[in-house]
Amino acid sequence: MSFQSAITDMDAAKARAEDEKARRRLRIEHIQRLERVLDSVEHHNLQRDRQVPPDMWRQLAELEVVLPVPAPPALWQARNTARLHDALLDWEADLLDKVAPHRVAYDDTHDD
């Protein structure tokens, strides 16, 4: 192997690592955005406020455009925050299956 080919290989490996780092950051951002909405819904539930605010519907519509997994139909049919919470958990599971498919090997991801 020549020095030039070693440099070329090293540059290609560096570019692949940067690309993977950017994709990882995007996956983390997607999960965090969904978790922020989920936290908001949980806060409403704890406050016994079962109404879904219009702003939350707007956030969910924006998320559906951004996330690589579509929202489950139950999300759009939810008429209170308790049902919305269930649908968001399903959406989060679908998203995690998409961005971290290796997680199915973990014991704590299986329903008993």
C-alpha atoms as a PDB file:
ATOM      1  CA  MET A   1       0.000   0.000   0.000  1.00  0.00           C
ATOM      2  CA  SER A   2       1.388   3.374  -0.959  1.00  0.00           C
ATOM      3  CA  PHE A   3       1.309   6.459   1.198  1.00  0.00           C
ATOM      4  CA  GLN A   4      -1.201   8.043  -1.170  1.00  0.00           C
ATOM      5  CA  SER A   5      -3.603   5.096  -0.972  1.00  0.00           C
ATOM      6  CA  ALA A   6      -3.246   5.043   2.816  1.00  0.00           C
ATOM      7  CA  ILE A   7      -4.097   8.758   2.940  1.00  0.00           C
ATOM      8  CA  THR A   8      -7.063   8.196   0.611  1.00  0.00           C
ATOM      9  CA  ASP A   9      -8.313   5.323   2.792  1.00  0.00           C
ATOM     10  CA  MET A  10      -7.873   7.421   5.919  1.00  0.00           C
ATOM     11  CA  ASP A  11      -9.780  10.345   4.376  1.00  0.00           C
ATOM     12  CA  ALA A  12     -12.604   8.019   3.317  1.00  0.00           C
ATOM     13  CA  ALA A  13     -12.801   6.512   6.812  1.00  0.00           C
ATOM     14  CA  LYS A  14     -12.904   9.986   8.331  1.00  0.00           C
ATOM     15  CA  ALA A  15     -15.721  11.023   5.983  1.00  0.00           C
ATOM     16  CA  ARG A  16     -17.710   7.870   6.839  1.00  0.00           C
ATOM     17  CA  ALA A  17     -17.230   8.542  10.559  1.00  0.00           C
ATOM     18  CA  GLU A  18     -18.438  12.141  10.175  1.00  0.00           C
ATOM     19  CA  ASP A  19     -21.455  10.970   8.196  1.00  0.00           C
ATOM     20  CA  GLU A  20     -22.335   8.378  10.837  1.00  0.00           C
ATOM     21  CA  LYS A  21     -21.907  10.975  13.582  1.00  0.00           C
ATOM     22  CA  ALA A  22     -24.351  13.324  11.810  1.00  0.00           C
ATOM     23  CA  ARG A  23     -26.907  10.527  11.359  1.00  0.00           C
ATOM     24  CA  ARG A  24     -26.558   9.550  15.024  1.00  0.00           C
ATOM     25  CA  ARG A  25     -27.120  13.171  16.071  1.00  0.00           C
ATOM     26  CA  LEU A  26     -30.243  13.341  13.900  1.00  0.00           C
ATOM     27  CA  ARG A  27     -31.628  10.098  15.385  1.00  0.00           C
ATOM     28  CA  ILE A  28     -31.054  11.431  18.894  1.00  0.00           C
ATOM     29  CA  GLU A  29     -32.730  14.716  17.987  1.00  0.00           C
ATOM     30  CA  HIS A  30     -35.774  12.864  16.626  1.00  0.00           C
ATOM     31  CA  ILE A  31     -36.158  10.851  19.802  1.00  0.00           C
ATOM     32  CA  GLN A  32     -35.691  13.911  21.992  1.00  0.00           C
ATOM     33  CA  ARG A  33     -38.340  15.885  20.087  1.00  0.00           C
ATOM     34  CA  LEU A  34     -40.878  13.106  20.541  1.00  0.00           C
ATOM     35  CA  GLU A  35     -39.941  12.743  24.209  1.00  0.00           C
ATOM     36  CA  ARG A  36     -40.523  16.475  24.802  1.00  0.00           C
ATOM     37  CA  VAL A  37     -44.084  16.149  23.509  1.00  0.00           C
ATOM     38  CA  LEU A  38     -44.542  13.002  25.573  1.00  0.00           C
ATOM     39  CA  ASP A  39     -43.341  14.851  28.676  1.00  0.00           C
ATOM     40  CA  SER A  40     -45.820  17.623  27.971  1.00  0.00           C
ATOM     41  CA  VAL A  41     -48.680  15.128  27.685  1.00  0.00           C
ATOM     42  CA  GLU A  42     -47.609  13.473  30.938  1.00  0.00           C
ATOM     43  CA  HIS A  43     -47.563  16.877  32.618  1.00  0.00           C
ATOM     44  CA  HIS A  44     -51.129  17.533  31.431  1.00  0.00           C
ATOM     45  CA  ASN A  45     -52.189  14.143  32.764  1.00  0.00           C
ATOM     46  CA  LEU A  46     -50.626  14.827  36.156  1.00  0.00           C
ATOM     47  CA  GLN A  47     -52.443  18.155  36.292  1.00  0.00           C
ATOM     48  CA  ARG A  48     -55.685  16.319  35.511  1.00  0.00           C
ATOM     49  CA  ASP A  49     -55.959  18.395  32.356  1.00  0.00           C
ATOM     50  CA  ARG A  50     -57.185  15.829  29.844  1.00  0.00           C
ATOM     51  CA  GLN A  51     -57.769  18.273  26.994  1.00  0.00           C
ATOM     52  CA  VAL A  52     -55.244  18.217  24.170  1.00  0.00           C
ATOM     53  CA  PRO A  53     -54.232  21.829  23.540  1.00  0.00           C
ATOM     54  CA  PRO A  54     -54.330  23.033  19.917  1.00  0.00           C
ATOM     55  CA  ASP A  55     -50.617  23.863  20.120  1.00  0.00           C
ATOM     56  CA  MET A  56     -49.867  20.237  20.905  1.00  0.00           C
ATOM     57  CA  TRP A  57     -51.726  19.088  17.775  1.00  0.00           C
ATOM     58  CA  ARG A  58     -49.590  21.538  15.783  1.00  0.00           C
ATOM     59  CA  GLN A  59     -46.397  20.112  17.335  1.00  0.00           C
ATOM     60  CA  LEU A  60     -47.517  16.585  16.522  1.00  0.00           C
ATOM     61  CA  ALA A  61     -48.286  17.499  12.908  1.00  0.00           C
ATOM     62  CA  GLU A  62     -44.818  19.040  12.573  1.00  0.00           C
ATOM     63  CA  LEU A  63     -43.236  15.962  14.110  1.00  0.00           C
ATOM     64  CA  GLU A  64     -44.964  13.631  11.705  1.00  0.00           C
ATOM     65  CA  VAL A  65     -43.364  15.478   8.805  1.00  0.00           C
ATOM     66  CA  VAL A  66     -39.897  15.338  10.376  1.00  0.00           C
ATOM     67  CA  LEU A  67     -39.754  11.851  11.897  1.00  0.00           C
ATOM     68  CA  PRO A  68     -38.854   8.863   9.719  1.00  0.00           C
ATOM     69  CA  VAL A  69     -41.848   6.910  11.066  1.00  0.00           C
ATOM     70  CA  PRO A  70     -45.456   8.033  10.577  1.00  0.00           C
ATOM     71  CA  ALA A  71     -47.668   8.600  13.593  1.00  0.00           C
ATOM     72  CA  PRO A  72     -50.030   5.744  14.391  1.00  0.00           C
ATOM     73  CA  PRO A  73     -53.667   6.373  13.409  1.00  0.00           C
ATOM     74  CA  ALA A  74     -54.660   6.176  17.090  1.00  0.00           C
ATOM     75  CA  LEU A  75     -52.721   9.367  17.699  1.00  0.00           C
ATOM     76  CA  TRP A  76     -54.978  11.425  15.434  1.00  0.00           C
ATOM     77  CA  GLN A  77     -58.071   9.745  16.877  1.00  0.00           C
ATOM     78  CA  ALA A  78     -57.130  10.512  20.495  1.00  0.00           C
ATOM     79  CA  ARG A  79     -59.583  12.880  22.136  1.00  0.00           C
ATOM     80  CA  ASN A  80     -57.855  13.199  25.507  1.00  0.00           C
ATOM     81  CA  THR A  81     -54.330  13.221  26.808  1.00  0.00           C
ATOM     82  CA  ALA A  82     -54.552   9.707  28.250  1.00  0.00           C
ATOM     83  CA  ARG A  83     -55.274   8.186  24.833  1.00  0.00           C
ATOM     84  CA  LEU A  84     -52.752  10.500  23.238  1.00  0.00           C
ATOM     85  CA  HIS A  85     -50.128   9.286  25.713  1.00  0.00           C
ATOM     86  CA  ASP A  86     -50.751   5.668  24.701  1.00  0.00           C
ATOM     87  CA  ALA A  87     -50.448   6.538  21.021  1.00  0.00           C
ATOM     88  CA  LEU A  88     -47.259   8.507  21.631  1.00  0.00           C
ATOM     89  CA  LEU A  89     -45.693   5.533  23.398  1.00  0.00           C
ATOM     90  CA  ASP A  90     -46.550   3.367  20.389  1.00  0.00           C
ATOM     91  CA  TRP A  91     -45.041   5.976  18.070  1.00  0.00           C
ATOM     92  CA  GLU A  92     -41.908   6.141  20.207  1.00  0.00           C
ATOM     93  CA  ALA A  93     -41.557   2.348  20.054  1.00  0.00           C
ATOM     94  CA  ASP A  94     -41.915   2.427  16.255  1.00  0.00           C
ATOM     95  CA  LEU A  95     -39.327   5.199  16.047  1.00  0.00           C
ATOM     96  CA  LEU A  96     -36.898   3.303  18.258  1.00  0.00           C
ATOM     97  CA  ASP A  97     -37.408   0.183  16.154  1.00  0.00           C
ATOM     98  CA  LYS A  98     -36.455   2.239  13.101  1.00  0.00           C
ATOM     99  CA  VAL A  99     -33.442   4.117  14.481  1.00  0.00           C
ATOM    100  CA  ALA A 100     -32.129   1.422  16.837  1.00  0.00           C
ATOM    101  CA  PRO A 101     -33.161  -1.949  15.390  1.00  0.00           C
ATOM    102  CA  HIS A 102     -30.529  -3.699  17.505  1.00  0.00           C
ATOM    103  CA  ARG A 103     -32.593  -2.902  20.621  1.00  0.00           C
ATOM    104  CA  VAL A 104     -34.820  -5.945  20.028  1.00  0.00           C
ATOM    105  CA  ALA A 105     -31.955  -8.024  21.377  1.00  0.00           C
ATOM    106  CA  TYR A 106     -32.296  -6.332  24.790  1.00  0.00           C
ATOM    107  CA  ASP A 107     -34.289  -8.340  27.331  1.00  0.00           C
ATOM    108  CA  ASP A 108     -36.124  -5.333  28.742  1.00  0.00           C
ATOM    109  CA  THR A 109     -37.781  -4.435  25.429  1.00  0.00           C
ATOM    110  CA  HIS A 110     -40.028  -7.483  25.373  1.00  0.00           C
ATOM    111  CA  ASP A 111     -43.528  -7.551  26.822  1.00  0.00           C
ATOM    112  CA  ASP A 112     -44.046 -10.275  29.390  1.00  0.00           C
END
